[in-house]
Amino acid sequence: MFTLEVGMMVAFILALGFSLWKLYAFMPSKPLQDDDTTPESTQELMRLMYSAIKAKKLNKDHIEAHMKMDSTFDEKHFWRFNANRLNKLLDQHFLENPEHKSIEDIHKALQKEK
């Protein structure tokens, strides 16, 4: 009976170790090259968004199209960019600047900065 219990304990520990090793193998250990959620990538997208708003693109669809047509827009890096990501950028701006309530407010603020 004792050897059976020890054998089962050893088998359990080996199975647990193997499972943890497999989980570790699937976890990303280095950042992906096309990760567009880094602070640098977010700042680049914010800069593109501000340039689109400055160009009097006050509709979300027009802003997105203008950003994608910009010569500095890296399609390989920002291949996941879509309307949802633009909404997240706008929400981030509105959280950082509570005095802005709409895209028109952002446009007015950008015109004052000139």
Protein backbone atom coordinates (compact mmCIF):
# COMPACT_ATOMS: atom_id res chain seq x y z
CA MET A 1 0.00 0.00 0.00
CA PHE A 2 2.81 2.42 0.86
CA THR A 3 4.57 1.98 -2.50
CA LEU A 4 1.31 2.60 -4.36
CA GLU A 5 0.80 5.89 -2.52
CA VAL A 6 4.38 7.00 -3.18
CA GLY A 7 4.06 6.02 -6.85
CA MET A 8 0.83 8.00 -7.21
CA MET A 9 2.42 11.01 -5.47
CA VAL A 10 5.44 10.87 -7.80
CA ALA A 11 3.16 10.54 -10.85
CA PHE A 12 1.09 13.52 -9.66
CA ILE A 13 4.18 15.68 -9.11
CA LEU A 14 5.57 14.74 -12.53
CA ALA A 15 2.23 15.48 -14.23
CA LEU A 16 1.97 18.81 -12.40
CA GLY A 17 5.53 19.74 -13.38
CA PHE A 18 4.88 18.82 -17.01
CA SER A 19 1.65 20.85 -17.04
CA LEU A 20 3.37 23.91 -15.59
CA TRP A 21 6.20 23.59 -18.10
CA LYS A 22 3.69 23.43 -20.98
CA LEU A 23 1.90 26.53 -19.66
CA TYR A 24 5.22 28.37 -19.43
CA ALA A 25 6.08 27.38 -23.01
CA PHE A 26 2.86 28.99 -24.30
CA MET A 27 3.30 32.25 -22.38
CA PRO A 28 4.87 35.03 -24.45
CA SER A 29 8.30 35.87 -23.11
CA LYS A 30 9.16 38.81 -25.35
CA PRO A 31 7.01 41.55 -26.87
CA LEU A 32 5.71 41.01 -30.38
CA GLN A 33 7.10 43.20 -33.15
CA ASP A 34 3.64 44.31 -34.26
CA ASP A 35 2.30 45.05 -30.75
CA ASP A 36 0.30 48.26 -31.19
CA THR A 37 -0.64 48.57 -27.52
CA THR A 38 2.72 49.84 -26.28
CA PRO A 39 2.87 53.45 -25.04
CA GLU A 40 4.99 54.44 -28.05
CA SER A 41 2.50 52.95 -30.50
CA THR A 42 -0.40 54.59 -28.70
CA GLN A 43 1.34 57.97 -28.87
CA GLU A 44 1.94 57.49 -32.60
CA LEU A 45 -1.73 56.66 -33.15
CA MET A 46 -2.77 59.67 -31.04
CA ARG A 47 -0.52 61.90 -33.16
CA LEU A 48 -2.14 60.54 -36.33
CA MET A 49 -5.60 61.02 -34.83
CA TYR A 50 -4.84 64.64 -33.91
CA SER A 51 -3.53 65.36 -37.41
CA ALA A 52 -6.73 63.92 -38.88
CA ILE A 53 -8.90 65.99 -36.55
CA LYS A 54 -6.81 69.07 -37.34
CA ALA A 55 -7.57 68.49 -41.04
CA LYS A 56 -11.28 68.99 -40.22
CA LYS A 57 -12.13 65.30 -40.30
CA LEU A 58 -14.81 65.43 -37.60
CA ASN A 59 -16.53 62.13 -38.35
CA LYS A 60 -15.07 58.91 -36.88
CA ASP A 61 -15.14 57.17 -40.28
CA HIS A 62 -13.29 60.07 -41.90
CA ILE A 63 -10.74 60.18 -39.08
CA GLU A 64 -10.05 56.47 -39.46
CA ALA A 65 -9.69 56.75 -43.24
CA HIS A 66 -7.42 59.80 -42.94
CA MET A 67 -5.21 58.02 -40.41
CA LYS A 68 -4.85 54.97 -42.65
CA MET A 69 -4.02 57.14 -45.68
CA ASP A 70 -1.31 59.11 -43.85
CA SER A 71 2.17 58.51 -45.24
CA THR A 72 3.58 57.81 -41.75
CA PHE A 73 0.96 55.13 -40.97
CA ASP A 74 2.80 51.79 -40.78
CA GLU A 75 0.35 49.21 -42.11
CA LYS A 76 2.51 46.29 -40.98
CA HIS A 77 2.74 47.55 -37.41
CA PHE A 78 -0.85 48.80 -37.08
CA TRP A 79 -2.52 46.04 -39.08
CA ARG A 80 -5.13 45.60 -36.32
CA PHE A 81 -6.17 49.27 -36.36
CA ASN A 82 -9.92 49.64 -36.80
CA ALA A 83 -12.86 51.76 -35.64
CA ASN A 84 -12.84 50.12 -32.21
CA ARG A 85 -9.20 51.09 -31.65
CA LEU A 86 -10.04 54.65 -32.73
CA ASN A 87 -12.87 54.70 -30.18
CA LYS A 88 -10.42 53.60 -27.49
CA LEU A 89 -8.04 56.41 -28.48
CA LEU A 90 -10.85 58.95 -28.33
CA ASP A 91 -11.97 57.62 -24.96
CA GLN A 92 -8.41 57.89 -23.67
CA HIS A 93 -8.25 61.50 -24.87
CA PHE A 94 -11.58 62.35 -23.24
CA LEU A 95 -10.39 60.82 -19.95
CA GLU A 96 -7.15 62.81 -20.04
CA ASN A 97 -8.95 66.01 -21.09
CA PRO A 98 -12.35 66.11 -19.35
CA GLU A 99 -13.06 69.59 -20.72
CA HIS A 100 -13.38 68.06 -24.22
CA LYS A 101 -16.78 66.51 -24.75
CA SER A 102 -16.68 65.85 -28.50
CA ILE A 103 -14.42 65.65 -31.52
CA GLU A 104 -15.35 69.25 -32.33
CA ASP A 105 -13.95 70.31 -28.94
CA ILE A 106 -10.69 68.55 -29.78
CA HIS A 107 -10.61 70.32 -33.14
CA LYS A 108 -11.13 73.72 -31.49
CA ALA A 109 -8.38 73.02 -28.95
CA LEU A 110 -5.97 71.95 -31.70
CA GLN A 111 -6.73 75.13 -33.67
CA LYS A 112 -5.91 77.24 -30.60
CA GLU A 113 -2.52 75.51 -30.23
CA LYS A 114 -1.36 76.82 -33.62
